[in-house]
Amino acid sequence: MGSGRLEIERKWLLAAPPSDAELRALGAEPIGIEQVYLLGTPEAPVRRIRRSEHSGRVEYTYTEKRFVAGIVRVEGELEINAAEYSRLLHEADPARGPIRKTRHVFDYAGNTLELDVFDRPPGICMLEIEFDRSDAPEPELPACLRILRDVSEDPAYLNVTLARADAEPGG
């Protein structure tokens, strides 16, 4: 898949999702996401496929990730079609279930924020922001987001970990 691009991402765990009215006020656009983790390879330890639905349009992607250090990863992503998505489902990691979440995307104070409300596993709400560098200043966040803590470097809150059948984040 090639070398990919650097992904520098911070994550925060929220006490609960904002209300629908608060999300509308932020201009948040909901995207339905299902992602399935595939068996890894030595070259691509984390592989996943994703089905995203937004405004009646469905997109499919294949992603490979490698951890570099801290909040930095190398990510390669390809758009695929529905048939390829179905074929790759046969490579699903049997130790992991699908992640299902609604991602609310909005811009705030110069950043693009992605707020994920998980259906599976249930009860998790996280905010993600990608940065250009790992030492980016602390971002300004909307007051309606009830942040519990920064989980950027907590492996329990990686989606690949949350997909594990026995995952109990924070426990």
N, C-alpha and C. Protein backbone atom coordinates (compact mmCIF):
# COMPACT_ATOMS: atom_id res chain seq x y z
N MET A 1 0.82 -1.19 0.00
CA MET A 1 0.00 0.00 0.00
C MET A 1 0.86 1.25 0.00
N GLY A 2 2.15 1.11 0.15
CA GLY A 2 2.99 2.30 0.15
C GLY A 2 3.25 2.79 1.56
N SER A 3 3.90 3.94 1.67
CA SER A 3 4.33 4.43 2.97
C SER A 3 3.21 5.09 3.77
N GLY A 4 2.21 5.67 3.14
CA GLY A 4 1.10 6.31 3.85
C GLY A 4 1.47 7.70 4.34
N ARG A 5 0.59 8.27 5.14
CA ARG A 5 0.78 9.61 5.68
C ARG A 5 0.81 9.54 7.19
N LEU A 6 1.41 10.54 7.81
CA LEU A 6 1.42 10.59 9.27
C LEU A 6 0.05 11.03 9.78
N GLU A 7 -0.43 10.32 10.77
CA GLU A 7 -1.67 10.68 11.47
C GLU A 7 -1.26 11.06 12.89
N ILE A 8 -1.54 12.29 13.26
CA ILE A 8 -1.22 12.79 14.60
C ILE A 8 -2.56 13.20 15.21
N GLU A 9 -3.04 12.38 16.14
CA GLU A 9 -4.42 12.51 16.60
C GLU A 9 -4.49 12.50 18.12
N ARG A 10 -5.25 13.46 18.66
CA ARG A 10 -5.55 13.46 20.09
C ARG A 10 -7.01 13.06 20.27
N LYS A 11 -7.27 12.39 21.41
CA LYS A 11 -8.62 11.91 21.72
C LYS A 11 -8.98 12.26 23.16
N TRP A 12 -10.25 12.59 23.35
CA TRP A 12 -10.77 12.86 24.69
C TRP A 12 -12.02 12.02 24.91
N LEU A 13 -12.13 11.46 26.09
CA LEU A 13 -13.32 10.72 26.50
C LEU A 13 -14.31 11.72 27.07
N LEU A 14 -15.57 11.63 26.64
CA LEU A 14 -16.62 12.52 27.13
C LEU A 14 -17.53 11.79 28.10
N ALA A 15 -18.12 12.53 29.02
CA ALA A 15 -19.06 11.95 29.98
C ALA A 15 -20.32 11.46 29.28
N ALA A 16 -20.74 12.19 28.25
CA ALA A 16 -21.95 11.85 27.49
C ALA A 16 -21.92 12.68 26.21
N PRO A 17 -22.66 12.25 25.20
CA PRO A 17 -22.71 13.08 23.99
C PRO A 17 -23.49 14.36 24.23
N PRO A 18 -23.17 15.42 23.47
CA PRO A 18 -23.98 16.63 23.53
C PRO A 18 -25.40 16.33 23.04
N SER A 19 -26.33 17.19 23.37
CA SER A 19 -27.71 17.00 22.91
C SER A 19 -27.78 17.22 21.40
N ASP A 20 -28.88 16.77 20.80
CA ASP A 20 -29.09 17.00 19.37
C ASP A 20 -29.10 18.50 19.06
N ALA A 21 -29.69 19.29 19.94
CA ALA A 21 -29.72 20.75 19.73
C ALA A 21 -28.32 21.34 19.77
N GLU A 22 -27.48 20.86 20.69
CA GLU A 22 -26.10 21.36 20.78
C GLU A 22 -25.31 20.96 19.53
N LEU A 23 -25.51 19.73 19.06
CA LEU A 23 -24.82 19.28 17.84
C LEU A 23 -25.25 20.12 16.64
N ARG A 24 -26.55 20.40 16.54
CA ARG A 24 -27.05 21.25 15.44
C ARG A 24 -26.44 22.65 15.52
N ALA A 25 -26.36 23.19 16.73
CA ALA A 25 -25.80 24.54 16.92
C ALA A 25 -24.33 24.59 16.51
N LEU A 26 -23.62 23.47 16.65
CA LEU A 26 -22.21 23.40 16.23
C LEU A 26 -22.07 23.17 14.72
N GLY A 27 -23.20 22.87 14.04
CA GLY A 27 -23.15 22.58 12.61
C GLY A 27 -22.65 21.19 12.32
N ALA A 28 -22.80 20.28 13.28
CA ALA A 28 -22.28 18.92 13.14
C ALA A 28 -23.04 18.14 12.06
N GLU A 29 -22.28 17.45 11.25
CA GLU A 29 -22.83 16.57 10.21
C GLU A 29 -22.65 15.12 10.65
N PRO A 30 -23.76 14.36 10.81
CA PRO A 30 -23.62 12.97 11.24
C PRO A 30 -23.23 12.03 10.09
N ILE A 31 -22.33 11.09 10.41
CA ILE A 31 -21.91 10.06 9.47
C ILE A 31 -22.02 8.72 10.19
N GLY A 32 -22.80 7.79 9.63
CA GLY A 32 -22.90 6.45 10.19
C GLY A 32 -21.69 5.63 9.76
N ILE A 33 -21.01 5.01 10.72
CA ILE A 33 -19.79 4.26 10.42
C ILE A 33 -19.87 2.87 11.00
N GLU A 34 -19.47 1.90 10.17
CA GLU A 34 -19.22 0.54 10.65
C GLU A 34 -17.81 0.20 10.21
N GLN A 35 -16.97 -0.24 11.15
CA GLN A 35 -15.64 -0.66 10.75
C GLN A 35 -15.35 -2.03 11.32
N VAL A 36 -14.68 -2.82 10.49
CA VAL A 36 -14.35 -4.20 10.82
C VAL A 36 -12.84 -4.33 10.75
N TYR A 37 -12.25 -4.87 11.81
CA TYR A 37 -10.81 -5.08 11.84
C TYR A 37 -10.48 -6.43 11.23
N LEU A 38 -9.46 -6.42 10.38
CA LEU A 38 -9.01 -7.62 9.67
C LEU A 38 -7.80 -8.19 10.39
N LEU A 39 -7.47 -9.44 10.08
CA LEU A 39 -6.26 -10.02 10.63
C LEU A 39 -5.07 -9.19 10.15
N GLY A 40 -4.15 -8.89 11.05
CA GLY A 40 -3.00 -8.08 10.72
C GLY A 40 -1.92 -8.90 10.01
N THR A 41 -0.96 -8.18 9.47
CA THR A 41 0.19 -8.80 8.82
C THR A 41 1.44 -8.15 9.43
N PRO A 42 2.63 -8.74 9.23
CA PRO A 42 3.84 -8.09 9.75
C PRO A 42 4.03 -6.67 9.20
N GLU A 43 3.67 -6.45 7.94
CA GLU A 43 3.83 -5.13 7.32
C GLU A 43 2.72 -4.17 7.76
N ALA A 44 1.54 -4.70 8.04
CA ALA A 44 0.38 -3.87 8.41
C ALA A 44 -0.30 -4.50 9.63
N PRO A 45 0.22 -4.19 10.84
CA PRO A 45 -0.34 -4.82 12.03
C PRO A 45 -1.80 -4.48 12.30
N VAL A 46 -2.24 -3.30 11.87
CA VAL A 46 -3.64 -2.91 12.03
C VAL A 46 -4.22 -2.66 10.65
N ARG A 47 -5.22 -3.48 10.30
CA ARG A 47 -5.92 -3.34 9.02
C ARG A 47 -7.41 -3.31 9.31
N ARG A 48 -8.12 -2.43 8.60
CA ARG A 48 -9.57 -2.36 8.81
C ARG A 48 -10.25 -1.97 7.50
N ILE A 49 -11.54 -2.28 7.45
CA ILE A 49 -12.40 -1.80 6.39
C ILE A 49 -13.51 -1.00 7.04
N ARG A 50 -13.97 0.02 6.32
CA ARG A 50 -14.99 0.91 6.89
C ARG A 50 -16.07 1.17 5.86
N ARG A 51 -17.31 1.14 6.35
CA ARG A 51 -18.48 1.54 5.55
C ARG A 51 -19.01 2.80 6.20
N SER A 52 -19.07 3.90 5.43
CA SER A 52 -19.55 5.19 5.94
C SER A 52 -20.76 5.63 5.14
N GLU A 53 -21.79 6.09 5.86
CA GLU A 53 -23.00 6.58 5.18
C GLU A 53 -23.28 8.00 5.64
N HIS A 54 -23.40 8.90 4.64
CA HIS A 54 -23.64 10.31 4.90
C HIS A 54 -24.56 10.86 3.82
N SER A 55 -25.68 11.42 4.22
CA SER A 55 -26.65 12.02 3.28
C SER A 55 -27.06 11.03 2.19
N GLY A 56 -27.27 9.78 2.56
CA GLY A 56 -27.72 8.77 1.61
C GLY A 56 -26.63 8.19 0.71
N ARG A 57 -25.40 8.67 0.85
CA ARG A 57 -24.28 8.18 0.04
C ARG A 57 -23.43 7.24 0.89
N VAL A 58 -23.02 6.11 0.31
CA VAL A 58 -22.21 5.13 1.03
C VAL A 58 -20.82 5.09 0.41
N GLU A 59 -19.81 5.10 1.28
CA GLU A 59 -18.42 4.98 0.85
C GLU A 59 -17.77 3.84 1.61
N TYR A 60 -16.79 3.21 0.97
CA TYR A 60 -16.05 2.10 1.57
C TYR A 60 -14.56 2.42 1.51
N THR A 61 -13.85 2.13 2.59
CA THR A 61 -12.41 2.36 2.60
C THR A 61 -11.69 1.18 3.25
N TYR A 62 -10.46 0.99 2.82
CA TYR A 62 -9.54 0.02 3.40
C TYR A 62 -8.40 0.82 3.99
N THR A 63 -8.01 0.52 5.24
CA THR A 63 -6.98 1.29 5.94
C THR A 63 -5.96 0.36 6.58
N GLU A 64 -4.71 0.77 6.50
CA GLU A 64 -3.63 0.11 7.23
C GLU A 64 -2.98 1.15 8.13
N LYS A 65 -2.67 0.74 9.39
CA LYS A 65 -2.02 1.66 10.33
C LYS A 65 -0.85 0.97 11.00
N ARG A 66 0.19 1.77 11.23
CA ARG A 66 1.35 1.33 12.00
C ARG A 66 1.63 2.41 13.04
N PHE A 67 1.89 1.99 14.26
CA PHE A 67 2.19 2.93 15.32
C PHE A 67 3.64 3.36 15.23
N VAL A 68 3.88 4.66 15.41
CA VAL A 68 5.23 5.21 15.38
C VAL A 68 5.67 5.47 16.81
N ALA A 69 5.00 6.42 17.48
CA ALA A 69 5.30 6.74 18.87
C ALA A 69 4.21 7.67 19.39
N GLY A 70 3.81 7.49 20.64
CA GLY A 70 2.82 8.37 21.26
C GLY A 70 1.54 8.45 20.44
N ILE A 71 1.23 9.65 19.96
CA ILE A 71 -0.01 9.87 19.21
C ILE A 71 0.23 9.87 17.70
N VAL A 72 1.41 9.42 17.28
CA VAL A 72 1.77 9.45 15.86
C VAL A 72 1.70 8.04 15.27
N ARG A 73 1.01 7.94 14.13
CA ARG A 73 0.88 6.69 13.39
C ARG A 73 1.13 6.97 11.91
N VAL A 74 1.43 5.92 11.18
CA VAL A 74 1.46 6.00 9.72
C VAL A 74 0.19 5.34 9.25
N GLU A 75 -0.56 6.04 8.40
CA GLU A 75 -1.85 5.54 7.93
C GLU A 75 -1.88 5.56 6.41
N GLY A 76 -2.27 4.44 5.82
CA GLY A 76 -2.52 4.36 4.39
C GLY A 76 -3.97 4.00 4.18
N GLU A 77 -4.64 4.69 3.27
CA GLU A 77 -6.07 4.47 3.07
C GLU A 77 -6.38 4.44 1.59
N LEU A 78 -7.25 3.49 1.21
CA LEU A 78 -7.71 3.36 -0.17
C LEU A 78 -9.22 3.32 -0.21
N GLU A 79 -9.80 3.98 -1.19
CA GLU A 79 -11.24 3.83 -1.41
C GLU A 79 -11.44 2.49 -2.11
N ILE A 80 -12.42 1.73 -1.65
CA ILE A 80 -12.75 0.45 -2.28
C ILE A 80 -14.23 0.45 -2.61
N ASN A 81 -14.70 -0.59 -3.33
CA ASN A 81 -16.12 -0.67 -3.66
C ASN A 81 -16.83 -1.69 -2.75
N ALA A 82 -18.13 -1.79 -2.89
CA ALA A 82 -18.93 -2.67 -2.04
C ALA A 82 -18.52 -4.13 -2.19
N ALA A 83 -18.19 -4.55 -3.40
CA ALA A 83 -17.77 -5.94 -3.62
C ALA A 83 -16.46 -6.25 -2.91
N GLU A 84 -15.51 -5.33 -2.98
CA GLU A 84 -14.22 -5.51 -2.30
C GLU A 84 -14.42 -5.52 -0.79
N TYR A 85 -15.28 -4.66 -0.29
CA TYR A 85 -15.61 -4.63 1.13
C TYR A 85 -16.15 -6.00 1.56
N SER A 86 -17.10 -6.54 0.80
CA SER A 86 -17.67 -7.86 1.11
C SER A 86 -16.62 -8.95 1.07
N ARG A 87 -15.73 -8.88 0.10
CA ARG A 87 -14.67 -9.90 -0.01
C ARG A 87 -13.74 -9.82 1.20
N LEU A 88 -13.38 -8.59 1.61
CA LEU A 88 -12.46 -8.43 2.73
C LEU A 88 -13.09 -8.82 4.07
N LEU A 89 -14.41 -8.82 4.16
CA LEU A 89 -15.07 -9.26 5.40
C LEU A 89 -14.64 -10.68 5.78
N HIS A 90 -14.26 -11.49 4.79
CA HIS A 90 -13.81 -12.87 5.05
C HIS A 90 -12.46 -12.90 5.76
N GLU A 91 -11.76 -11.77 5.82
CA GLU A 91 -10.47 -11.68 6.51
C GLU A 91 -10.63 -11.05 7.90
N ALA A 92 -11.87 -10.92 8.37
CA ALA A 92 -12.13 -10.29 9.67
C ALA A 92 -11.42 -11.04 10.78
N ASP A 93 -10.88 -10.29 11.73
CA ASP A 93 -10.24 -10.86 12.91
C ASP A 93 -11.34 -11.45 13.80
N PRO A 94 -11.34 -12.76 14.03
CA PRO A 94 -12.42 -13.37 14.82
C PRO A 94 -12.43 -12.93 16.29
N ALA A 95 -11.34 -12.35 16.77
CA ALA A 95 -11.28 -11.89 18.16
C ALA A 95 -11.88 -10.49 18.33
N ARG A 96 -12.30 -9.88 17.22
CA ARG A 96 -12.82 -8.51 17.28
C ARG A 96 -14.17 -8.44 16.59
N GLY A 97 -15.08 -7.70 17.18
CA GLY A 97 -16.38 -7.47 16.56
C GLY A 97 -16.36 -6.15 15.81
N PRO A 98 -17.40 -5.88 15.05
CA PRO A 98 -17.45 -4.61 14.33
C PRO A 98 -17.67 -3.43 15.29
N ILE A 99 -17.08 -2.31 14.94
CA ILE A 99 -17.33 -1.05 15.64
C ILE A 99 -18.46 -0.37 14.89
N ARG A 100 -19.47 0.10 15.61
CA ARG A 100 -20.55 0.88 15.00
C ARG A 100 -20.67 2.18 15.78
N LYS A 101 -20.64 3.29 15.02
CA LYS A 101 -20.68 4.59 15.69
C LYS A 101 -21.26 5.63 14.74
N THR A 102 -21.73 6.71 15.34
CA THR A 102 -22.12 7.88 14.56
C THR A 102 -21.07 8.94 14.82
N ARG A 103 -20.46 9.41 13.75
CA ARG A 103 -19.43 10.45 13.84
C ARG A 103 -20.08 11.78 13.48
N HIS A 104 -19.95 12.75 14.36
CA HIS A 104 -20.46 14.10 14.13
C HIS A 104 -19.25 14.99 13.84
N VAL A 105 -19.18 15.53 12.63
CA VAL A 105 -18.03 16.31 12.19
C VAL A 105 -18.40 17.78 12.14
N PHE A 106 -17.54 18.63 12.73
CA PHE A 106 -17.78 20.07 12.71
C PHE A 106 -16.46 20.81 12.91
N ASP A 107 -16.42 22.04 12.44
CA ASP A 107 -15.25 22.90 12.62
C ASP A 107 -15.47 23.78 13.84
N TYR A 108 -14.38 23.96 14.60
CA TYR A 108 -14.46 24.81 15.79
C TYR A 108 -13.07 25.38 16.08
N ALA A 109 -12.98 26.68 16.21
CA ALA A 109 -11.75 27.37 16.59
C ALA A 109 -10.55 26.93 15.74
N GLY A 110 -10.78 26.80 14.44
CA GLY A 110 -9.69 26.48 13.53
C GLY A 110 -9.34 25.01 13.39
N ASN A 111 -10.09 24.13 14.04
CA ASN A 111 -9.85 22.69 13.94
C ASN A 111 -11.11 21.97 13.45
N THR A 112 -10.92 20.82 12.82
CA THR A 112 -12.03 19.94 12.48
C THR A 112 -12.15 18.92 13.60
N LEU A 113 -13.31 18.90 14.24
CA LEU A 113 -13.55 17.99 15.35
C LEU A 113 -14.42 16.83 14.86
N GLU A 114 -14.10 15.64 15.34
CA GLU A 114 -14.88 14.43 15.04
C GLU A 114 -15.32 13.83 16.37
N LEU A 115 -16.62 13.90 16.62
CA LEU A 115 -17.18 13.38 17.85
C LEU A 115 -17.85 12.05 17.55
N ASP A 116 -17.34 10.98 18.14
CA ASP A 116 -17.85 9.64 17.88
C ASP A 116 -18.73 9.16 19.04
N VAL A 117 -19.98 8.80 18.72
CA VAL A 117 -20.91 8.22 19.68
C VAL A 117 -21.06 6.76 19.28
N PHE A 118 -20.58 5.86 20.12
CA PHE A 118 -20.52 4.44 19.80
C PHE A 118 -21.83 3.73 20.10
N ASP A 119 -22.29 2.93 19.15
CA ASP A 119 -23.39 2.00 19.37
C ASP A 119 -22.82 0.65 19.81
N ARG A 120 -21.68 0.29 19.23
CA ARG A 120 -20.97 -0.94 19.59
C ARG A 120 -19.50 -0.67 19.56
N PRO A 121 -18.82 -0.74 20.70
CA PRO A 121 -19.36 -1.01 22.03
C PRO A 121 -20.18 0.18 22.54
N PRO A 122 -21.23 -0.11 23.31
CA PRO A 122 -22.14 0.96 23.75
C PRO A 122 -21.57 1.82 24.86
N GLY A 123 -22.09 3.04 24.95
CA GLY A 123 -21.80 3.90 26.08
C GLY A 123 -20.52 4.71 25.99
N ILE A 124 -19.84 4.69 24.85
CA ILE A 124 -18.59 5.44 24.72
C ILE A 124 -18.83 6.64 23.82
N CYS A 125 -18.29 7.78 24.22
CA CYS A 125 -18.34 8.99 23.41
C CYS A 125 -16.95 9.61 23.47
N MET A 126 -16.33 9.77 22.29
CA MET A 126 -14.98 10.32 22.22
C MET A 126 -14.90 11.43 21.18
N LEU A 127 -14.03 12.37 21.45
CA LEU A 127 -13.74 13.46 20.54
C LEU A 127 -12.33 13.24 19.99
N GLU A 128 -12.16 13.41 18.66
CA GLU A 128 -10.85 13.27 18.03
C GLU A 128 -10.54 14.53 17.24
N ILE A 129 -9.28 14.94 17.28
CA ILE A 129 -8.80 16.04 16.45
C ILE A 129 -7.45 15.63 15.89
N GLU A 130 -7.28 15.78 14.58
CA GLU A 130 -5.98 15.53 13.96
C GLU A 130 -5.21 16.84 13.89
N PHE A 131 -3.91 16.73 14.13
CA PHE A 131 -3.03 17.90 14.13
C PHE A 131 -1.90 17.72 13.12
N ASP A 132 -1.23 18.82 12.79
CA ASP A 132 -0.08 18.78 11.88
C ASP A 132 1.19 18.36 12.59
N ARG A 133 1.22 18.53 13.92
CA ARG A 133 2.43 18.17 14.66
C ARG A 133 2.03 17.69 16.05
N SER A 134 2.87 16.85 16.65
CA SER A 134 2.52 16.24 17.94
C SER A 134 2.59 17.22 19.10
N ASP A 135 3.28 18.34 18.94
CA ASP A 135 3.36 19.32 20.02
C ASP A 135 2.43 20.52 19.79
N ALA A 136 1.34 20.28 19.07
CA ALA A 136 0.36 21.35 18.81
C ALA A 136 -0.20 21.86 20.14
N PRO A 137 -0.52 23.16 20.22
CA PRO A 137 -1.06 23.70 21.48
C PRO A 137 -2.42 23.09 21.80
N GLU A 138 -2.78 23.17 23.07
CA GLU A 138 -4.08 22.67 23.55
C GLU A 138 -5.19 23.38 22.76
N PRO A 139 -6.09 22.61 22.13
CA PRO A 139 -7.14 23.25 21.33
C PRO A 139 -8.26 23.81 22.19
N GLU A 140 -8.92 24.82 21.64
CA GLU A 140 -10.13 25.35 22.27
C GLU A 140 -11.26 24.39 21.92
N LEU A 141 -12.06 23.99 22.91
CA LEU A 141 -13.15 23.04 22.70
C LEU A 141 -14.47 23.68 23.09
N PRO A 142 -15.57 23.27 22.43
CA PRO A 142 -16.88 23.82 22.77
C PRO A 142 -17.26 23.53 24.22
N ALA A 143 -17.88 24.48 24.88
CA ALA A 143 -18.27 24.35 26.28
C ALA A 143 -19.27 23.23 26.51
N CYS A 144 -20.07 22.88 25.49
CA CYS A 144 -21.09 21.84 25.66
C CYS A 144 -20.49 20.44 25.74
N LEU A 145 -19.19 20.29 25.46
CA LEU A 145 -18.56 18.97 25.54
C LEU A 145 -18.06 18.74 26.96
N ARG A 146 -18.61 17.72 27.61
CA ARG A 146 -18.24 17.41 28.99
C ARG A 146 -17.06 16.42 28.96
N ILE A 147 -15.86 16.97 28.89
CA ILE A 147 -14.64 16.17 28.78
C ILE A 147 -14.32 15.52 30.13
N LEU A 148 -14.10 14.19 30.10
CA LEU A 148 -13.65 13.49 31.30
C LEU A 148 -12.13 13.51 31.39
N ARG A 149 -11.46 13.11 30.27
CA ARG A 149 -10.01 13.10 30.28
C ARG A 149 -9.46 12.87 28.88
N ASP A 150 -8.21 13.20 28.70
CA ASP A 150 -7.48 12.95 27.47
C ASP A 150 -7.08 11.48 27.47
N VAL A 151 -7.46 10.76 26.42
CA VAL A 151 -7.12 9.33 26.31
C VAL A 151 -6.25 9.07 25.08
N SER A 152 -5.58 10.11 24.61
CA SER A 152 -4.79 10.02 23.38
C SER A 152 -3.75 8.90 23.42
N GLU A 153 -3.15 8.68 24.56
CA GLU A 153 -2.10 7.67 24.66
C GLU A 153 -2.53 6.45 25.47
N ASP A 154 -3.82 6.30 25.70
CA ASP A 154 -4.35 5.15 26.44
C ASP A 154 -4.78 4.09 25.43
N PRO A 155 -4.03 2.98 25.34
CA PRO A 155 -4.36 1.96 24.33
C PRO A 155 -5.75 1.34 24.51
N ALA A 156 -6.35 1.46 25.68
CA ALA A 156 -7.70 0.93 25.90
C ALA A 156 -8.73 1.64 25.04
N TYR A 157 -8.42 2.87 24.58
CA TYR A 157 -9.38 3.65 23.81
C TYR A 157 -9.06 3.70 22.32
N LEU A 158 -8.15 2.87 21.86
CA LEU A 158 -7.95 2.72 20.42
C LEU A 158 -9.12 1.93 19.87
N ASN A 159 -9.62 2.29 18.70
CA ASN A 159 -10.75 1.56 18.13
C ASN A 159 -10.43 0.08 17.96
N VAL A 160 -9.20 -0.24 17.59
CA VAL A 160 -8.82 -1.65 17.41
C VAL A 160 -8.94 -2.41 18.74
N THR A 161 -8.68 -1.73 19.86
CA THR A 161 -8.85 -2.35 21.18
C THR A 161 -10.33 -2.44 21.54
N LEU A 162 -11.08 -1.37 21.28
CA LEU A 162 -12.51 -1.37 21.59
C LEU A 162 -13.27 -2.45 20.83
N ALA A 163 -12.74 -2.87 19.70
CA ALA A 163 -13.39 -3.91 18.89
C ALA A 163 -13.23 -5.30 19.50
N ARG A 164 -12.29 -5.46 20.43
CA ARG A 164 -12.10 -6.77 21.04
C ARG A 164 -13.35 -7.17 21.82
N ALA A 165 -13.69 -8.43 21.72
CA ALA A 165 -14.91 -8.92 22.38
C ALA A 165 -14.84 -8.74 23.89
N ASP A 166 -13.63 -8.80 24.48
CA ASP A 166 -13.49 -8.72 25.94
C ASP A 166 -13.07 -7.33 26.41
N ALA A 167 -13.13 -6.34 25.53
CA ALA A 167 -12.65 -4.99 25.88
C ALA A 167 -13.56 -4.34 26.91
N GLU A 168 -12.93 -3.78 27.95
CA GLU A 168 -13.64 -3.00 28.96
C GLU A 168 -12.85 -1.73 29.19
N PRO A 169 -13.05 -0.69 28.36
CA PRO A 169 -12.25 0.52 28.52
C PRO A 169 -12.42 1.15 29.88
N GLY A 170 -11.30 1.66 30.36
CA GLY A 170 -11.31 2.33 31.65
C GLY A 170 -11.38 1.39 32.82
N GLY A 171 -11.46 0.06 32.57
CA GLY A 171 -11.63 -0.87 33.67
C GLY A 171 -10.41 -1.56 34.10
